[in-house]
N, C-alpha and C. Protein backbone atom coordinates (compact mmCIF):
# COMPACT_ATOMS: atom_id res chain seq x y z
N UNK A 1 23.20 22.46 9.41
CA UNK A 1 22.74 22.58 8.04
C UNK A 1 21.84 23.81 7.89
N UNK A 2 22.07 24.57 6.85
CA UNK A 2 21.25 25.75 6.58
C UNK A 2 20.21 25.43 5.51
N UNK A 3 19.24 26.32 5.34
CA UNK A 3 18.23 26.16 4.29
C UNK A 3 18.89 26.14 2.92
N UNK A 4 19.94 26.95 2.74
CA UNK A 4 20.65 26.99 1.46
C UNK A 4 21.33 25.65 1.18
N UNK A 5 21.83 24.98 2.22
CA UNK A 5 22.44 23.65 2.04
C UNK A 5 21.44 22.67 1.46
N UNK A 6 20.19 22.73 1.94
CA UNK A 6 19.14 21.82 1.47
C UNK A 6 18.84 22.10 0.00
N UNK A 7 18.80 23.37 -0.38
CA UNK A 7 18.58 23.74 -1.78
C UNK A 7 19.71 23.16 -2.65
N UNK A 8 20.94 23.24 -2.17
CA UNK A 8 22.09 22.73 -2.93
C UNK A 8 21.97 21.23 -3.16
N UNK A 9 21.51 20.50 -2.14
CA UNK A 9 21.32 19.05 -2.27
C UNK A 9 20.25 18.76 -3.33
N UNK A 10 19.14 19.50 -3.27
CA UNK A 10 18.05 19.30 -4.23
C UNK A 10 18.50 19.60 -5.65
N UNK A 11 19.30 20.64 -5.82
CA UNK A 11 19.81 20.98 -7.16
C UNK A 11 20.65 19.84 -7.72
N UNK A 12 21.48 19.29 -6.87
CA UNK A 12 22.36 18.20 -7.30
C UNK A 12 21.56 16.96 -7.66
N UNK A 13 20.61 16.59 -6.80
CA UNK A 13 19.86 15.36 -7.01
C UNK A 13 18.89 15.45 -8.19
N UNK A 14 18.29 16.62 -8.37
CA UNK A 14 17.33 16.79 -9.46
C UNK A 14 17.99 17.21 -10.78
N UNK A 15 19.20 17.71 -10.69
CA UNK A 15 19.88 18.20 -11.89
C UNK A 15 19.23 19.47 -12.41
N UNK A 16 18.64 20.26 -11.50
CA UNK A 16 17.95 21.50 -11.87
C UNK A 16 18.55 22.65 -11.05
N UNK A 17 18.92 23.72 -11.72
CA UNK A 17 19.52 24.86 -11.01
C UNK A 17 18.48 25.78 -10.39
N UNK A 18 17.33 25.89 -11.08
CA UNK A 18 16.31 26.87 -10.66
C UNK A 18 15.48 26.30 -9.50
N UNK A 19 16.01 26.39 -8.30
CA UNK A 19 15.33 25.92 -7.09
C UNK A 19 15.52 26.98 -5.99
N UNK A 20 14.45 27.28 -5.30
CA UNK A 20 14.52 28.20 -4.16
C UNK A 20 13.80 27.62 -2.97
N UNK A 21 13.82 28.32 -1.85
CA UNK A 21 13.09 27.85 -0.67
C UNK A 21 12.15 28.93 -0.16
N UNK A 22 11.11 28.50 0.54
CA UNK A 22 10.07 29.42 1.00
C UNK A 22 10.18 29.65 2.51
N UNK A 23 11.15 30.44 2.90
CA UNK A 23 11.26 30.79 4.32
C UNK A 23 12.37 30.03 5.01
N UNK A 24 13.42 30.73 5.38
CA UNK A 24 14.58 30.13 6.03
C UNK A 24 14.20 29.48 7.35
N UNK A 25 14.78 28.31 7.59
CA UNK A 25 14.71 27.69 8.91
C UNK A 25 16.04 27.96 9.61
N UNK A 26 15.98 28.35 10.88
CA UNK A 26 17.21 28.52 11.65
C UNK A 26 17.97 27.20 11.68
N UNK A 27 19.31 27.23 11.73
CA UNK A 27 20.07 25.98 11.78
C UNK A 27 19.65 25.03 12.91
N UNK A 28 19.19 25.56 14.04
CA UNK A 28 18.79 24.68 15.15
C UNK A 28 17.39 24.10 14.96
N UNK A 29 16.65 24.62 13.97
CA UNK A 29 15.26 24.20 13.80
C UNK A 29 15.14 22.95 12.94
N UNK A 30 14.02 22.25 13.11
CA UNK A 30 13.71 21.08 12.29
C UNK A 30 12.34 21.33 11.64
N UNK A 31 11.90 20.35 10.85
CA UNK A 31 10.55 20.45 10.31
C UNK A 31 10.52 20.82 8.84
N UNK A 32 9.44 21.48 8.45
CA UNK A 32 9.10 21.69 7.05
C UNK A 32 9.90 22.83 6.41
N UNK A 33 10.58 22.50 5.31
CA UNK A 33 11.23 23.51 4.48
C UNK A 33 10.70 23.30 3.07
N UNK A 34 9.92 24.26 2.58
CA UNK A 34 9.33 24.14 1.25
C UNK A 34 10.32 24.60 0.19
N UNK A 35 10.49 23.76 -0.85
CA UNK A 35 11.33 24.11 -1.99
C UNK A 35 10.45 24.34 -3.21
N UNK A 36 10.82 25.32 -4.01
CA UNK A 36 10.11 25.57 -5.27
C UNK A 36 11.08 25.29 -6.41
N UNK A 37 10.58 24.54 -7.41
CA UNK A 37 11.43 24.04 -8.48
C UNK A 37 10.94 24.56 -9.83
N UNK A 38 11.88 25.06 -10.64
CA UNK A 38 11.53 25.50 -12.00
C UNK A 38 10.52 26.64 -12.01
N UNK A 39 9.42 26.44 -12.74
CA UNK A 39 8.41 27.50 -12.88
C UNK A 39 7.78 27.89 -11.54
N UNK A 40 7.82 26.98 -10.57
CA UNK A 40 7.21 27.26 -9.26
C UNK A 40 7.93 28.38 -8.52
N UNK A 41 9.14 28.72 -8.94
CA UNK A 41 9.84 29.84 -8.29
C UNK A 41 9.09 31.15 -8.47
N UNK A 42 8.20 31.20 -9.49
CA UNK A 42 7.42 32.42 -9.73
C UNK A 42 6.38 32.67 -8.63
N UNK A 43 6.00 31.61 -7.91
CA UNK A 43 5.01 31.79 -6.83
C UNK A 43 5.66 31.69 -5.45
N UNK A 44 6.99 31.80 -5.42
CA UNK A 44 7.74 31.70 -4.17
C UNK A 44 7.25 32.72 -3.13
N UNK A 45 7.13 33.98 -3.54
CA UNK A 45 6.70 35.03 -2.61
C UNK A 45 5.28 34.79 -2.12
N UNK A 46 4.43 34.30 -3.00
CA UNK A 46 3.04 34.01 -2.64
C UNK A 46 2.98 32.94 -1.55
N UNK A 47 3.77 31.88 -1.71
CA UNK A 47 3.78 30.79 -0.73
C UNK A 47 4.43 31.22 0.58
N UNK A 48 5.43 32.07 0.49
CA UNK A 48 6.12 32.53 1.70
C UNK A 48 5.23 33.43 2.56
N UNK A 49 4.24 34.04 1.93
CA UNK A 49 3.39 35.01 2.64
C UNK A 49 2.34 34.34 3.52
N UNK A 50 2.22 33.02 3.48
CA UNK A 50 1.16 32.34 4.21
C UNK A 50 1.53 32.07 5.67
N UNK A 51 0.51 31.83 6.48
CA UNK A 51 0.71 31.59 7.92
C UNK A 51 1.51 30.30 8.15
N UNK A 52 2.14 30.24 9.30
CA UNK A 52 2.95 29.07 9.67
C UNK A 52 2.48 28.51 11.02
N UNK A 53 2.79 27.22 11.24
CA UNK A 53 2.57 26.62 12.56
C UNK A 53 3.90 26.05 13.05
N UNK A 54 4.24 26.41 14.27
CA UNK A 54 5.48 25.92 14.89
C UNK A 54 5.17 25.25 16.23
N UNK A 55 6.01 24.29 16.60
CA UNK A 55 6.04 23.80 17.98
C UNK A 55 7.44 24.07 18.51
N UNK A 56 7.53 24.40 19.78
CA UNK A 56 8.84 24.73 20.33
C UNK A 56 8.89 24.61 21.83
N UNK A 57 10.06 24.89 22.38
CA UNK A 57 10.29 24.87 23.82
C UNK A 57 10.97 26.16 24.24
N UNK A 58 10.42 26.79 25.27
CA UNK A 58 11.07 27.94 25.90
C UNK A 58 11.75 27.44 27.16
N UNK A 59 13.03 27.77 27.33
CA UNK A 59 13.72 27.50 28.58
C UNK A 59 13.82 28.82 29.35
N UNK A 60 13.12 28.87 30.47
CA UNK A 60 13.08 30.09 31.28
C UNK A 60 14.33 30.21 32.14
N UNK A 61 14.63 31.44 32.56
CA UNK A 61 15.72 31.68 33.50
C UNK A 61 17.02 32.12 32.88
N UNK A 62 17.12 32.08 31.54
CA UNK A 62 18.36 32.56 30.91
C UNK A 62 18.05 33.25 29.59
N UNK A 63 18.70 34.39 29.40
CA UNK A 63 18.56 35.20 28.18
C UNK A 63 19.85 35.03 27.38
N UNK A 64 19.72 34.82 26.06
CA UNK A 64 20.92 34.64 25.24
C UNK A 64 21.03 35.73 24.17
N UNK A 65 22.21 35.81 23.58
CA UNK A 65 22.50 36.86 22.59
C UNK A 65 21.73 36.66 21.30
N UNK A 66 21.30 35.44 21.02
CA UNK A 66 20.56 35.16 19.78
C UNK A 66 19.09 34.86 20.05
N UNK A 67 18.69 34.88 21.31
CA UNK A 67 17.33 34.56 21.75
C UNK A 67 17.02 33.07 21.61
N UNK A 68 18.04 32.27 21.29
CA UNK A 68 17.86 30.82 21.26
C UNK A 68 19.07 30.15 21.90
N UNK A 69 19.07 28.81 21.90
CA UNK A 69 20.11 28.07 22.63
C UNK A 69 21.49 28.15 21.97
N UNK A 70 21.54 28.67 20.73
CA UNK A 70 22.81 28.75 20.01
C UNK A 70 23.66 29.92 20.51
N UNK A 71 23.03 30.87 21.20
CA UNK A 71 23.74 32.10 21.57
C UNK A 71 24.46 32.02 22.90
N UNK A 72 25.16 33.10 23.19
CA UNK A 72 25.89 33.24 24.45
C UNK A 72 24.91 33.68 25.54
N UNK A 73 25.01 33.06 26.72
CA UNK A 73 24.13 33.43 27.83
C UNK A 73 24.53 34.81 28.35
N UNK A 74 23.57 35.74 28.32
CA UNK A 74 23.83 37.11 28.75
C UNK A 74 23.38 37.37 30.18
N UNK A 75 22.36 36.63 30.60
CA UNK A 75 21.75 36.92 31.91
C UNK A 75 21.06 35.65 32.43
N UNK A 76 21.21 35.37 33.70
CA UNK A 76 20.54 34.22 34.32
C UNK A 76 19.79 34.68 35.57
N UNK A 77 18.59 34.16 35.74
CA UNK A 77 17.77 34.48 36.90
C UNK A 77 17.10 33.22 37.40
N UNK A 78 16.82 33.14 38.70
CA UNK A 78 16.05 32.00 39.20
C UNK A 78 14.64 32.01 38.62
N UNK A 79 14.10 30.83 38.35
CA UNK A 79 12.75 30.72 37.81
C UNK A 79 11.78 30.51 38.98
N UNK A 80 10.85 31.42 39.18
CA UNK A 80 9.89 31.25 40.28
C UNK A 80 8.96 30.07 40.02
N UNK A 81 8.24 29.68 41.04
CA UNK A 81 7.31 28.55 40.93
C UNK A 81 6.03 29.05 40.23
N UNK A 82 6.14 29.23 38.94
CA UNK A 82 5.05 29.82 38.16
C UNK A 82 3.90 28.84 37.99
N UNK A 83 2.69 29.35 38.12
CA UNK A 83 1.51 28.52 37.87
C UNK A 83 1.23 28.48 36.38
N UNK A 84 0.46 27.50 35.95
CA UNK A 84 0.08 27.42 34.54
C UNK A 84 -0.70 28.66 34.12
N UNK A 85 -1.51 29.20 35.06
CA UNK A 85 -2.31 30.39 34.77
C UNK A 85 -1.40 31.60 34.52
N UNK A 86 -0.33 31.72 35.29
CA UNK A 86 0.61 32.84 35.10
C UNK A 86 1.31 32.72 33.74
N UNK A 87 1.68 31.49 33.39
CA UNK A 87 2.35 31.27 32.10
C UNK A 87 1.38 31.56 30.96
N UNK A 88 0.14 31.11 31.10
CA UNK A 88 -0.88 31.35 30.07
C UNK A 88 -1.11 32.85 29.90
N UNK A 89 -1.11 33.59 30.99
CA UNK A 89 -1.32 35.04 30.94
C UNK A 89 -0.20 35.72 30.14
N UNK A 90 1.03 35.22 30.28
CA UNK A 90 2.15 35.79 29.52
C UNK A 90 1.99 35.51 28.03
N UNK A 91 1.57 34.28 27.69
CA UNK A 91 1.32 33.94 26.28
C UNK A 91 0.20 34.81 25.70
N UNK A 92 -0.82 35.07 26.51
CA UNK A 92 -1.98 35.85 26.04
C UNK A 92 -1.58 37.27 25.63
N UNK A 93 -0.52 37.79 26.25
CA UNK A 93 -0.06 39.13 25.89
C UNK A 93 0.41 39.21 24.44
N UNK A 94 0.75 38.05 23.87
CA UNK A 94 1.27 38.00 22.51
C UNK A 94 0.33 37.18 21.63
N UNK A 95 -0.93 37.58 21.64
CA UNK A 95 -1.97 36.96 20.83
C UNK A 95 -2.65 38.06 20.02
N UNK A 96 -3.10 37.71 18.82
CA UNK A 96 -3.70 38.72 17.94
C UNK A 96 -2.62 39.55 17.27
N UNK A 97 -2.92 40.81 17.00
CA UNK A 97 -1.97 41.70 16.33
C UNK A 97 -1.08 42.41 17.35
N UNK A 98 0.22 42.40 17.09
CA UNK A 98 1.16 43.14 17.94
C UNK A 98 2.43 43.37 17.12
N UNK A 99 3.44 43.98 17.74
CA UNK A 99 4.69 44.26 17.03
C UNK A 99 5.86 43.52 17.67
N UNK A 100 6.79 43.09 16.84
CA UNK A 100 8.03 42.47 17.31
C UNK A 100 9.21 43.30 16.84
N UNK A 101 10.23 43.39 17.69
CA UNK A 101 11.50 43.96 17.26
C UNK A 101 12.36 42.80 16.79
N UNK A 102 12.72 42.75 15.50
CA UNK A 102 13.50 41.61 14.99
C UNK A 102 14.80 41.44 15.75
N UNK A 103 15.25 40.21 15.94
CA UNK A 103 16.54 39.98 16.62
C UNK A 103 17.71 40.43 15.75
N UNK A 104 18.84 40.71 16.37
CA UNK A 104 20.03 41.09 15.60
C UNK A 104 20.47 39.93 14.71
N UNK A 105 20.33 38.71 15.21
CA UNK A 105 20.71 37.56 14.39
C UNK A 105 19.52 37.21 13.50
N UNK A 106 19.40 37.95 12.39
CA UNK A 106 18.33 37.72 11.43
C UNK A 106 18.82 38.14 10.05
N UNK A 107 18.06 37.76 9.02
CA UNK A 107 18.47 38.04 7.63
C UNK A 107 18.01 39.42 7.16
N UNK A 108 17.29 40.15 8.02
CA UNK A 108 16.87 41.51 7.65
C UNK A 108 18.11 42.36 7.38
N UNK A 109 18.02 43.21 6.36
CA UNK A 109 19.19 44.01 5.97
C UNK A 109 19.13 45.44 6.47
N UNK A 110 20.27 45.94 6.88
CA UNK A 110 20.44 47.34 7.28
C UNK A 110 21.48 47.93 6.34
N UNK A 111 21.08 48.88 5.51
CA UNK A 111 21.98 49.46 4.50
C UNK A 111 22.60 48.38 3.63
N UNK A 112 21.78 47.37 3.29
CA UNK A 112 22.23 46.32 2.39
C UNK A 112 23.00 45.19 3.04
N UNK A 113 23.24 45.28 4.35
CA UNK A 113 24.02 44.25 5.05
C UNK A 113 23.09 43.47 5.99
N UNK A 114 23.05 42.13 5.88
CA UNK A 114 22.21 41.34 6.80
C UNK A 114 22.60 41.59 8.25
N UNK A 115 21.59 41.70 9.12
CA UNK A 115 21.86 41.98 10.53
C UNK A 115 22.78 40.94 11.16
N UNK A 116 22.63 39.66 10.76
CA UNK A 116 23.45 38.63 11.42
C UNK A 116 24.95 38.85 11.15
N UNK A 117 25.27 39.47 10.00
CA UNK A 117 26.68 39.74 9.72
C UNK A 117 27.21 40.85 10.63
N UNK A 118 26.35 41.84 10.91
CA UNK A 118 26.73 42.89 11.85
C UNK A 118 26.86 42.33 13.25
N UNK A 119 25.93 41.41 13.60
CA UNK A 119 25.96 40.81 14.94
C UNK A 119 27.25 40.03 15.16
N UNK A 120 27.72 39.35 14.11
CA UNK A 120 28.97 38.58 14.23
C UNK A 120 30.16 39.48 14.54
N UNK A 121 30.07 40.75 14.11
CA UNK A 121 31.15 41.72 14.38
C UNK A 121 30.95 42.42 15.71
N UNK A 122 29.92 41.99 16.46
CA UNK A 122 29.65 42.59 17.76
C UNK A 122 28.90 43.90 17.69
N UNK A 123 28.32 44.19 16.53
CA UNK A 123 27.59 45.45 16.36
C UNK A 123 26.10 45.23 16.61
N UNK A 124 25.47 46.25 17.17
CA UNK A 124 24.02 46.23 17.34
C UNK A 124 23.45 47.52 16.78
N UNK A 125 22.42 47.40 15.96
CA UNK A 125 21.81 48.58 15.35
C UNK A 125 20.33 48.65 15.73
N UNK A 126 19.76 49.82 15.59
CA UNK A 126 18.34 50.02 15.90
C UNK A 126 17.50 49.27 14.87
N UNK A 127 16.54 48.49 15.37
CA UNK A 127 15.62 47.78 14.48
C UNK A 127 14.21 48.30 14.72
N UNK A 128 13.50 48.57 13.64
CA UNK A 128 12.13 49.05 13.76
C UNK A 128 11.19 47.88 14.08
N UNK A 129 10.21 48.11 14.96
CA UNK A 129 9.22 47.06 15.23
C UNK A 129 8.46 46.71 13.97
N UNK A 130 8.08 45.44 13.85
CA UNK A 130 7.34 44.97 12.68
C UNK A 130 6.00 44.38 13.11
N UNK A 131 4.94 44.68 12.35
CA UNK A 131 3.64 44.11 12.71
C UNK A 131 3.59 42.61 12.41
N UNK A 132 3.12 41.83 13.37
CA UNK A 132 2.95 40.39 13.22
C UNK A 132 1.63 40.02 13.89
N UNK A 133 1.22 38.77 13.76
CA UNK A 133 0.05 38.32 14.52
C UNK A 133 0.15 36.84 14.85
N UNK A 134 -0.52 36.48 15.94
CA UNK A 134 -0.67 35.08 16.37
C UNK A 134 -2.16 34.78 16.36
N UNK A 135 -2.56 33.79 15.56
CA UNK A 135 -3.98 33.44 15.49
C UNK A 135 -4.39 32.47 16.60
N UNK A 136 -3.45 31.62 17.04
CA UNK A 136 -3.75 30.72 18.16
C UNK A 136 -2.46 30.19 18.77
N UNK A 137 -2.55 29.79 20.01
CA UNK A 137 -1.40 29.16 20.68
C UNK A 137 -1.92 28.10 21.65
N UNK A 138 -1.04 27.19 22.01
CA UNK A 138 -1.38 26.16 22.98
C UNK A 138 -0.14 25.82 23.79
N UNK A 139 -0.28 25.79 25.10
CA UNK A 139 0.81 25.34 25.97
C UNK A 139 0.63 23.83 26.15
N UNK A 140 1.60 23.05 25.71
CA UNK A 140 1.44 21.60 25.70
C UNK A 140 2.16 20.89 26.84
N UNK A 141 3.13 21.54 27.47
CA UNK A 141 3.85 20.92 28.60
C UNK A 141 4.49 22.01 29.44
N UNK A 142 4.38 21.89 30.75
CA UNK A 142 5.08 22.78 31.67
C UNK A 142 5.87 21.92 32.65
N UNK A 143 7.17 21.92 32.50
CA UNK A 143 8.09 21.28 33.45
C UNK A 143 9.23 22.27 33.65
N UNK A 144 8.98 23.22 34.55
CA UNK A 144 9.92 24.32 34.72
C UNK A 144 11.35 23.83 34.92
N UNK A 145 12.34 24.46 34.25
CA UNK A 145 12.24 25.75 33.54
C UNK A 145 11.74 25.66 32.09
N UNK A 146 11.24 24.49 31.65
CA UNK A 146 10.83 24.35 30.26
C UNK A 146 9.33 24.47 30.07
N UNK A 147 8.96 25.12 28.96
CA UNK A 147 7.55 25.24 28.57
C UNK A 147 7.45 24.90 27.09
N UNK A 148 6.68 23.86 26.76
CA UNK A 148 6.44 23.50 25.36
C UNK A 148 5.19 24.21 24.86
N UNK A 149 5.20 24.59 23.61
CA UNK A 149 4.05 25.34 23.05
C UNK A 149 3.87 25.03 21.58
N UNK A 150 2.69 25.38 21.09
CA UNK A 150 2.39 25.37 19.65
C UNK A 150 1.86 26.74 19.32
N UNK A 151 2.25 27.29 18.16
CA UNK A 151 1.79 28.64 17.79
C UNK A 151 1.50 28.70 16.29
N UNK A 152 0.36 29.32 15.95
CA UNK A 152 0.02 29.63 14.56
C UNK A 152 0.25 31.12 14.37
N UNK A 153 1.07 31.48 13.38
CA UNK A 153 1.51 32.87 13.29
C UNK A 153 1.66 33.33 11.85
N UNK A 154 1.92 34.62 11.71
CA UNK A 154 2.02 35.25 10.40
C UNK A 154 3.41 35.06 9.80
N UNK A 155 3.50 35.43 8.54
CA UNK A 155 4.79 35.55 7.86
C UNK A 155 5.65 36.57 8.62
N UNK A 156 6.95 36.35 8.65
CA UNK A 156 7.84 37.32 9.27
C UNK A 156 7.86 37.28 10.79
N UNK A 157 7.26 36.22 11.36
CA UNK A 157 7.18 36.08 12.81
C UNK A 157 8.45 35.40 13.30
N UNK A 158 9.06 35.97 14.34
CA UNK A 158 10.27 35.38 14.93
C UNK A 158 9.89 34.62 16.19
N UNK A 159 9.96 33.29 16.11
CA UNK A 159 9.60 32.48 17.28
C UNK A 159 10.63 32.68 18.39
N UNK A 160 11.88 32.93 18.01
CA UNK A 160 12.91 33.22 19.01
C UNK A 160 12.55 34.45 19.83
N UNK A 161 12.07 35.50 19.14
CA UNK A 161 11.69 36.73 19.82
C UNK A 161 10.45 36.51 20.67
N UNK A 162 9.53 35.70 20.18
CA UNK A 162 8.33 35.29 20.94
C UNK A 162 8.74 34.67 22.28
N UNK A 163 9.68 33.72 22.22
CA UNK A 163 10.17 33.06 23.45
C UNK A 163 10.85 34.07 24.37
N UNK A 164 11.67 34.92 23.80
CA UNK A 164 12.39 35.94 24.57
C UNK A 164 11.41 36.88 25.27
N UNK A 165 10.40 37.33 24.53
CA UNK A 165 9.43 38.29 25.07
C UNK A 165 8.54 37.66 26.15
N UNK A 166 8.18 36.40 25.96
CA UNK A 166 7.38 35.71 26.98
C UNK A 166 8.19 35.54 28.26
N UNK A 167 9.47 35.20 28.10
CA UNK A 167 10.36 35.11 29.27
C UNK A 167 10.45 36.43 30.02
N UNK A 168 10.54 37.53 29.25
CA UNK A 168 10.59 38.86 29.87
C UNK A 168 9.29 39.18 30.58
N UNK A 169 8.15 38.80 29.96
CA UNK A 169 6.85 39.05 30.58
C UNK A 169 6.68 38.28 31.88
N UNK A 170 7.34 37.14 31.99
CA UNK A 170 7.28 36.33 33.22
C UNK A 170 8.28 36.79 34.27
N UNK A 171 9.14 37.75 33.91
CA UNK A 171 10.05 38.37 34.87
C UNK A 171 11.33 37.61 35.14
N UNK A 172 11.55 36.50 34.42
CA UNK A 172 12.76 35.72 34.68
C UNK A 172 13.60 35.51 33.42
N UNK A 173 13.13 36.04 32.30
CA UNK A 173 13.86 35.85 31.04
C UNK A 173 13.66 34.44 30.49
N UNK A 174 14.05 34.27 29.24
CA UNK A 174 13.93 32.96 28.61
C UNK A 174 14.49 32.98 27.20
N UNK A 175 14.71 31.80 26.68
CA UNK A 175 15.17 31.68 25.29
C UNK A 175 14.55 30.45 24.65
N UNK A 176 14.59 30.41 23.33
CA UNK A 176 14.04 29.29 22.57
C UNK A 176 15.06 28.15 22.55
N UNK A 177 14.66 26.98 23.03
CA UNK A 177 15.62 25.86 23.10
C UNK A 177 15.29 24.73 22.12
N UNK A 178 14.11 24.77 21.49
CA UNK A 178 13.77 23.80 20.45
C UNK A 178 12.73 24.43 19.54
N UNK A 179 12.78 24.08 18.24
CA UNK A 179 11.82 24.64 17.29
C UNK A 179 11.61 23.68 16.13
N UNK A 180 10.34 23.50 15.76
CA UNK A 180 9.99 22.67 14.62
C UNK A 180 8.84 23.32 13.86
N UNK A 181 8.99 23.44 12.53
CA UNK A 181 7.91 23.98 11.71
C UNK A 181 7.07 22.81 11.20
N UNK A 182 5.79 22.81 11.58
CA UNK A 182 4.87 21.74 11.20
C UNK A 182 4.07 22.05 9.94
N UNK A 183 3.86 23.35 9.68
CA UNK A 183 2.98 23.73 8.58
C UNK A 183 3.37 25.08 8.03
N UNK A 184 3.19 25.23 6.71
CA UNK A 184 3.33 26.53 6.06
C UNK A 184 2.20 26.64 5.06
N UNK A 185 1.25 27.55 5.32
CA UNK A 185 0.06 27.63 4.49
C UNK A 185 -0.71 26.32 4.54
N UNK A 186 -0.97 25.71 3.40
CA UNK A 186 -1.69 24.43 3.33
C UNK A 186 -0.75 23.23 3.35
N UNK A 187 0.55 23.49 3.42
CA UNK A 187 1.53 22.42 3.31
C UNK A 187 1.96 21.94 4.69
N UNK A 188 1.96 20.61 4.86
CA UNK A 188 2.33 20.01 6.15
C UNK A 188 3.45 19.00 5.94
N UNK A 189 3.85 18.37 7.03
CA UNK A 189 4.92 17.37 6.97
C UNK A 189 4.46 16.05 6.35
N UNK A 190 3.15 15.89 6.15
CA UNK A 190 2.61 14.60 5.68
C UNK A 190 3.26 14.13 4.37
N UNK A 191 3.53 15.04 3.46
CA UNK A 191 4.08 14.65 2.16
C UNK A 191 5.55 15.05 2.00
N UNK A 192 6.15 15.47 3.10
CA UNK A 192 7.56 15.88 3.05
C UNK A 192 8.47 14.65 3.00
N UNK A 193 9.68 14.85 2.46
CA UNK A 193 10.69 13.80 2.53
C UNK A 193 11.84 14.32 3.39
N UNK A 194 12.58 13.41 3.97
CA UNK A 194 13.67 13.81 4.87
C UNK A 194 14.91 14.17 4.06
N UNK A 195 15.83 14.90 4.68
CA UNK A 195 17.08 15.25 4.00
C UNK A 195 17.89 14.00 3.65
N UNK A 196 18.02 13.00 4.55
CA UNK A 196 18.73 11.77 4.15
C UNK A 196 18.11 11.11 2.92
N UNK A 197 16.78 11.13 2.80
CA UNK A 197 16.12 10.59 1.61
C UNK A 197 16.45 11.43 0.38
N UNK A 198 16.43 12.74 0.55
CA UNK A 198 16.73 13.66 -0.54
C UNK A 198 18.13 13.44 -1.09
N UNK A 199 19.07 13.11 -0.22
CA UNK A 199 20.47 12.95 -0.61
C UNK A 199 20.70 11.74 -1.53
N UNK A 200 19.84 10.72 -1.42
CA UNK A 200 20.09 9.48 -2.17
C UNK A 200 19.02 9.15 -3.21
N UNK A 201 17.88 9.82 -3.16
CA UNK A 201 16.77 9.47 -4.06
C UNK A 201 17.11 9.80 -5.51
N UNK A 202 16.78 8.90 -6.44
CA UNK A 202 16.98 9.20 -7.86
C UNK A 202 16.09 10.38 -8.29
N UNK A 203 16.53 11.09 -9.31
CA UNK A 203 15.80 12.27 -9.78
C UNK A 203 14.36 11.92 -10.16
N UNK A 204 14.16 10.76 -10.81
CA UNK A 204 12.81 10.37 -11.24
C UNK A 204 11.89 10.19 -10.05
N UNK A 205 12.42 9.64 -8.96
CA UNK A 205 11.62 9.43 -7.75
C UNK A 205 11.26 10.77 -7.11
N UNK A 206 12.21 11.68 -7.11
CA UNK A 206 11.95 13.01 -6.54
C UNK A 206 10.93 13.78 -7.38
N UNK A 207 11.01 13.61 -8.70
CA UNK A 207 10.04 14.28 -9.58
C UNK A 207 8.62 13.84 -9.24
N UNK A 208 8.45 12.54 -8.94
CA UNK A 208 7.13 12.01 -8.59
C UNK A 208 6.62 12.58 -7.27
N UNK A 209 7.55 12.91 -6.37
CA UNK A 209 7.18 13.42 -5.04
C UNK A 209 6.78 14.90 -5.07
N UNK A 210 7.12 15.59 -6.16
CA UNK A 210 6.82 17.01 -6.26
C UNK A 210 5.30 17.25 -6.35
N UNK A 211 4.86 18.35 -5.78
CA UNK A 211 3.46 18.76 -5.89
C UNK A 211 3.35 19.72 -7.06
N UNK A 212 2.46 19.41 -8.00
CA UNK A 212 2.37 20.20 -9.23
C UNK A 212 1.74 21.57 -8.96
N UNK A 213 1.99 22.50 -9.88
CA UNK A 213 1.39 23.83 -9.78
C UNK A 213 -0.14 23.75 -9.82
N UNK A 214 -0.66 22.81 -10.62
CA UNK A 214 -2.12 22.63 -10.71
C UNK A 214 -2.69 22.19 -9.37
N UNK A 215 -1.99 21.26 -8.70
CA UNK A 215 -2.47 20.80 -7.39
C UNK A 215 -2.35 21.90 -6.34
N UNK A 216 -1.29 22.67 -6.42
CA UNK A 216 -1.11 23.79 -5.47
C UNK A 216 -2.27 24.77 -5.63
N UNK A 217 -2.66 25.05 -6.86
CA UNK A 217 -3.77 25.95 -7.13
C UNK A 217 -5.06 25.44 -6.49
N UNK A 218 -5.30 24.13 -6.59
CA UNK A 218 -6.49 23.53 -5.98
C UNK A 218 -6.42 23.58 -4.45
N UNK A 219 -5.23 23.30 -3.92
CA UNK A 219 -5.04 23.31 -2.46
C UNK A 219 -5.33 24.68 -1.87
N UNK A 220 -4.94 25.72 -2.61
CA UNK A 220 -5.08 27.09 -2.11
C UNK A 220 -6.45 27.69 -2.48
N UNK A 221 -7.27 26.90 -3.20
CA UNK A 221 -8.59 27.38 -3.57
C UNK A 221 -8.55 28.47 -4.60
N UNK A 222 -7.49 28.47 -5.41
CA UNK A 222 -7.33 29.52 -6.43
C UNK A 222 -8.07 29.13 -7.71
């Protein structure tokens, strides 16, 4: 399921065409997908610009074409008996302000064409590094070759690239094998509804679940 699929379900259930989403989730990802309905589409860019929190898993020892488990394995290496300190040191390299080179499988456009469409044709083009930042991270589990983590990051941050780059820093490569978005700005999973609920809920019930523009303004301290 894609983020656009979720928007289509919401349009059908609410009977409203003017619905957008605030930041695509990769098909393999789970967690929070914010939808904006009606007049709220005017603040879509504002909401998309806020920091995000993700939890995920890096699988070390294999590099893939998409930097996640959906891609073709390009390279495999044995995973050394890494200490937690060595793994932490690799994560520390990607803390604060730094630059990422966006993956080929992304929605960024080159001459008007999304990179993922070029990637499907086997093409690779030069991508300019983009400034991003990580405000905090936490390693929550180490069971090699897997490492679980939590990261608070900026808009435009590619967690797949983060996993790929940490694997490279550890000298054995790696890819993202699980991803969940827990937070976007002030919005968390606490008031979210599931896609199965969205598919069957009456429009009146969904209307009650919406967060009003007035409440959003208060949440953001505006």
